[in-house]
Amino acid sequence: MDANAITQLEQELIAILKKEYSFYQSLYILMDRQRDIIRYDKDENLLDLYSEIERCQGRIRESEARISAIRNKSPQMFRVASVHPEVKRLVNCIVTLVKKNMKLVAENQQYAEDRHERIRVELQELRNSHKILQYLSKPEPSPQFVDGKK
């Protein structure tokens, strides 16, 4: 293994991981905003946030593919480069952010499920009140037919 090639791979990994760290920080902020929108019933922005998160999912897949390509190109050099202190530090920071993001996803899912259940209950109550109103209201006069004449 060439020391220069390993150093170059380390620098490449550090550059990629710094971009990934920045991305996961942005994702955390986005998901935190989504949580506030779900929690405080600000529906007008919710669709935009969901589409942004879908774009982020695509970005995550690209990141995984990029790192996998580097690892598969030279597995032994990748292992040596991955023990570099800066690479390890960045990986640990990203892992921490991913864990925080996963916690936010769980919170958002719980808020969304609670909201969905509340809306479902409210709709059922509206249906029931509509049936009661129909029952209590006077029937509308309908045409009467006597001996086939109008």
Protein backbone atom coordinates (compact mmCIF):
# COMPACT_ATOMS: atom_id res chain seq x y z
CA MET A 1 0.00 0.00 0.00
CA ASP A 2 1.26 3.41 -0.95
CA ALA A 3 1.29 5.95 1.93
CA ASN A 4 0.46 8.72 -0.53
CA ALA A 5 -2.60 6.82 -1.78
CA ILE A 6 -3.77 6.22 1.78
CA THR A 7 -3.31 9.88 2.68
CA GLN A 8 -5.22 10.86 -0.44
CA LEU A 9 -8.03 8.44 0.45
CA GLU A 10 -8.10 9.80 4.00
CA GLN A 11 -8.46 13.34 2.67
CA GLU A 12 -11.20 12.22 0.27
CA LEU A 13 -13.06 10.50 3.11
CA ILE A 14 -12.70 13.55 5.36
CA ALA A 15 -14.09 15.83 2.64
CA ILE A 16 -17.04 13.50 1.99
CA LEU A 17 -17.75 13.04 5.69
CA LYS A 18 -17.70 16.80 6.32
CA LYS A 19 -20.34 17.21 3.60
CA GLU A 20 -22.34 14.36 5.13
CA TYR A 21 -22.11 15.90 8.58
CA SER A 22 -23.40 19.20 7.23
CA PHE A 23 -26.20 17.37 5.43
CA TYR A 24 -27.30 15.52 8.58
CA GLN A 25 -27.25 18.78 10.53
CA SER A 26 -29.58 20.28 7.91
CA LEU A 27 -31.77 17.19 8.04
CA TYR A 28 -32.06 17.51 11.82
CA ILE A 29 -33.16 21.14 11.51
CA LEU A 30 -35.67 20.20 8.81
CA MET A 31 -37.15 17.39 10.89
CA ASP A 32 -37.32 19.62 13.95
CA ARG A 33 -39.26 22.15 11.89
CA GLN A 34 -41.54 19.36 10.71
CA ARG A 35 -42.20 18.36 14.31
CA ASP A 36 -43.20 21.92 15.19
CA ILE A 37 -45.50 22.14 12.18
CA ILE A 38 -47.18 18.85 13.06
CA ARG A 39 -47.42 19.76 16.72
CA TYR A 40 -48.85 23.25 16.19
CA ASP A 41 -51.23 22.42 13.31
CA LYS A 42 -49.54 24.50 10.62
CA ASP A 43 -50.70 22.41 7.69
CA GLU A 44 -49.88 24.87 4.93
CA ASN A 45 -46.14 24.07 5.10
CA LEU A 46 -46.40 20.38 5.86
CA LEU A 47 -46.52 19.14 2.27
CA ASP A 48 -43.39 21.13 1.38
CA LEU A 49 -41.53 19.61 4.31
CA TYR A 50 -42.57 16.08 3.40
CA SER A 51 -41.36 16.56 -0.18
CA GLU A 52 -38.09 17.98 1.14
CA ILE A 53 -37.64 14.92 3.35
CA GLU A 54 -38.26 12.67 0.35
CA ARG A 55 -35.44 14.50 -1.45
CA CYS A 56 -33.26 13.93 1.61
CA GLN A 57 -33.99 10.20 1.44
CA GLY A 58 -32.63 10.21 -2.10
CA ARG A 59 -29.58 12.12 -0.90
CA ILE A 60 -28.98 9.53 1.84
CA ARG A 61 -29.05 6.73 -0.74
CA GLU A 62 -26.53 8.64 -2.88
CA SER A 63 -24.23 9.06 0.12
CA GLU A 64 -24.37 5.39 0.95
CA ALA A 65 -23.63 4.49 -2.66
CA ARG A 66 -20.67 6.90 -2.79
CA ILE A 67 -19.08 5.51 0.38
CA SER A 68 -19.76 1.92 -0.74
CA ALA A 69 -18.08 2.61 -4.08
CA ILE A 70 -14.96 3.94 -2.34
CA ARG A 71 -14.92 0.98 0.06
CA ASN A 72 -15.44 -1.58 -2.72
CA LYS A 73 -12.76 -0.05 -4.94
CA SER A 74 -10.04 -0.74 -2.39
CA PRO A 75 -11.28 -2.43 0.79
CA GLN A 76 -7.87 -2.75 2.44
CA MET A 77 -6.93 0.89 1.85
CA PHE A 78 -10.39 1.94 3.01
CA ARG A 79 -9.89 0.10 6.32
CA VAL A 80 -6.52 1.76 6.85
CA ALA A 81 -7.87 5.21 5.96
CA SER A 82 -10.96 4.77 8.15
CA VAL A 83 -8.87 4.57 11.34
CA HIS A 84 -7.58 8.12 10.83
CA PRO A 85 -8.60 10.15 13.93
CA GLU A 86 -10.42 12.83 11.94
CA VAL A 87 -12.34 10.21 9.95
CA LYS A 88 -13.34 8.44 13.18
CA ARG A 89 -14.39 11.73 14.78
CA LEU A 90 -16.56 12.69 11.83
CA VAL A 91 -18.11 9.22 11.68
CA ASN A 92 -18.96 9.42 15.39
CA CYS A 93 -20.52 12.87 14.92
CA ILE A 94 -22.60 11.60 12.01
CA VAL A 95 -23.70 8.54 14.00
CA THR A 96 -24.81 10.82 16.83
CA LEU A 97 -26.78 13.00 14.41
CA VAL A 98 -28.38 9.96 12.80
CA LYS A 99 -29.52 8.75 16.23
CA LYS A 100 -30.98 12.19 16.99
CA ASN A 101 -32.71 12.21 13.60
CA MET A 102 -34.17 8.77 14.26
CA LYS A 103 -35.51 9.99 17.60
CA LEU A 104 -37.12 12.97 15.84
CA VAL A 105 -38.64 10.66 13.24
CA ALA A 106 -40.22 8.60 16.01
CA GLU A 107 -41.58 11.74 17.68
CA ASN A 108 -42.93 13.05 14.38
CA GLN A 109 -44.56 9.74 13.64
CA GLN A 110 -46.20 9.72 17.06
CA TYR A 111 -47.47 13.30 16.60
CA ALA A 112 -48.82 12.45 13.15
CA GLU A 113 -50.53 9.28 14.40
CA ASP A 114 -52.09 11.16 17.33
CA ARG A 115 -53.28 13.88 15.02
CA HIS A 116 -54.69 11.36 12.56
CA GLU A 117 -56.59 9.65 15.38
CA ARG A 118 -57.94 12.97 16.65
CA ILE A 119 -59.16 13.93 13.19
CA ARG A 120 -60.75 10.51 12.72
CA VAL A 121 -62.61 10.85 16.05
CA GLU A 122 -63.76 14.38 15.16
CA LEU A 123 -65.07 13.18 11.80
CA GLN A 124 -66.98 10.37 13.48
CA GLU A 125 -68.48 12.86 15.93
CA LEU A 126 -69.52 15.07 13.02
CA ARG A 127 -71.17 12.12 11.30
CA ASN A 128 -73.03 11.24 14.49
CA SER A 129 -74.19 14.82 15.03
CA HIS A 130 -75.33 15.00 11.41
CA LYS A 131 -77.43 11.84 11.89
CA ILE A 132 -78.92 13.29 15.09
CA LEU A 133 -79.76 16.56 13.32
CA GLN A 134 -81.45 14.63 10.52
CA TYR A 135 -83.47 12.68 13.05
CA LEU A 136 -84.53 15.81 14.97
CA SER A 137 -85.35 17.94 11.96
CA LYS A 138 -88.89 18.00 10.61
CA PRO A 139 -89.30 15.84 7.55
CA GLU A 140 -89.53 17.76 4.32
CA PRO A 141 -92.93 17.59 2.68
CA SER A 142 -93.01 15.12 -0.13
CA PRO A 143 -95.54 14.86 -2.93
CA GLN A 144 -98.50 12.63 -2.16
CA PHE A 145 -99.95 10.33 -4.82
CA VAL A 146 -103.59 9.39 -4.54
CA ASP A 147 -105.14 7.00 -7.01
CA GLY A 148 -102.29 7.52 -9.48
CA LYS A 149 -103.07 11.27 -9.87
CA LYS A 150 -100.68 14.03 -9.10
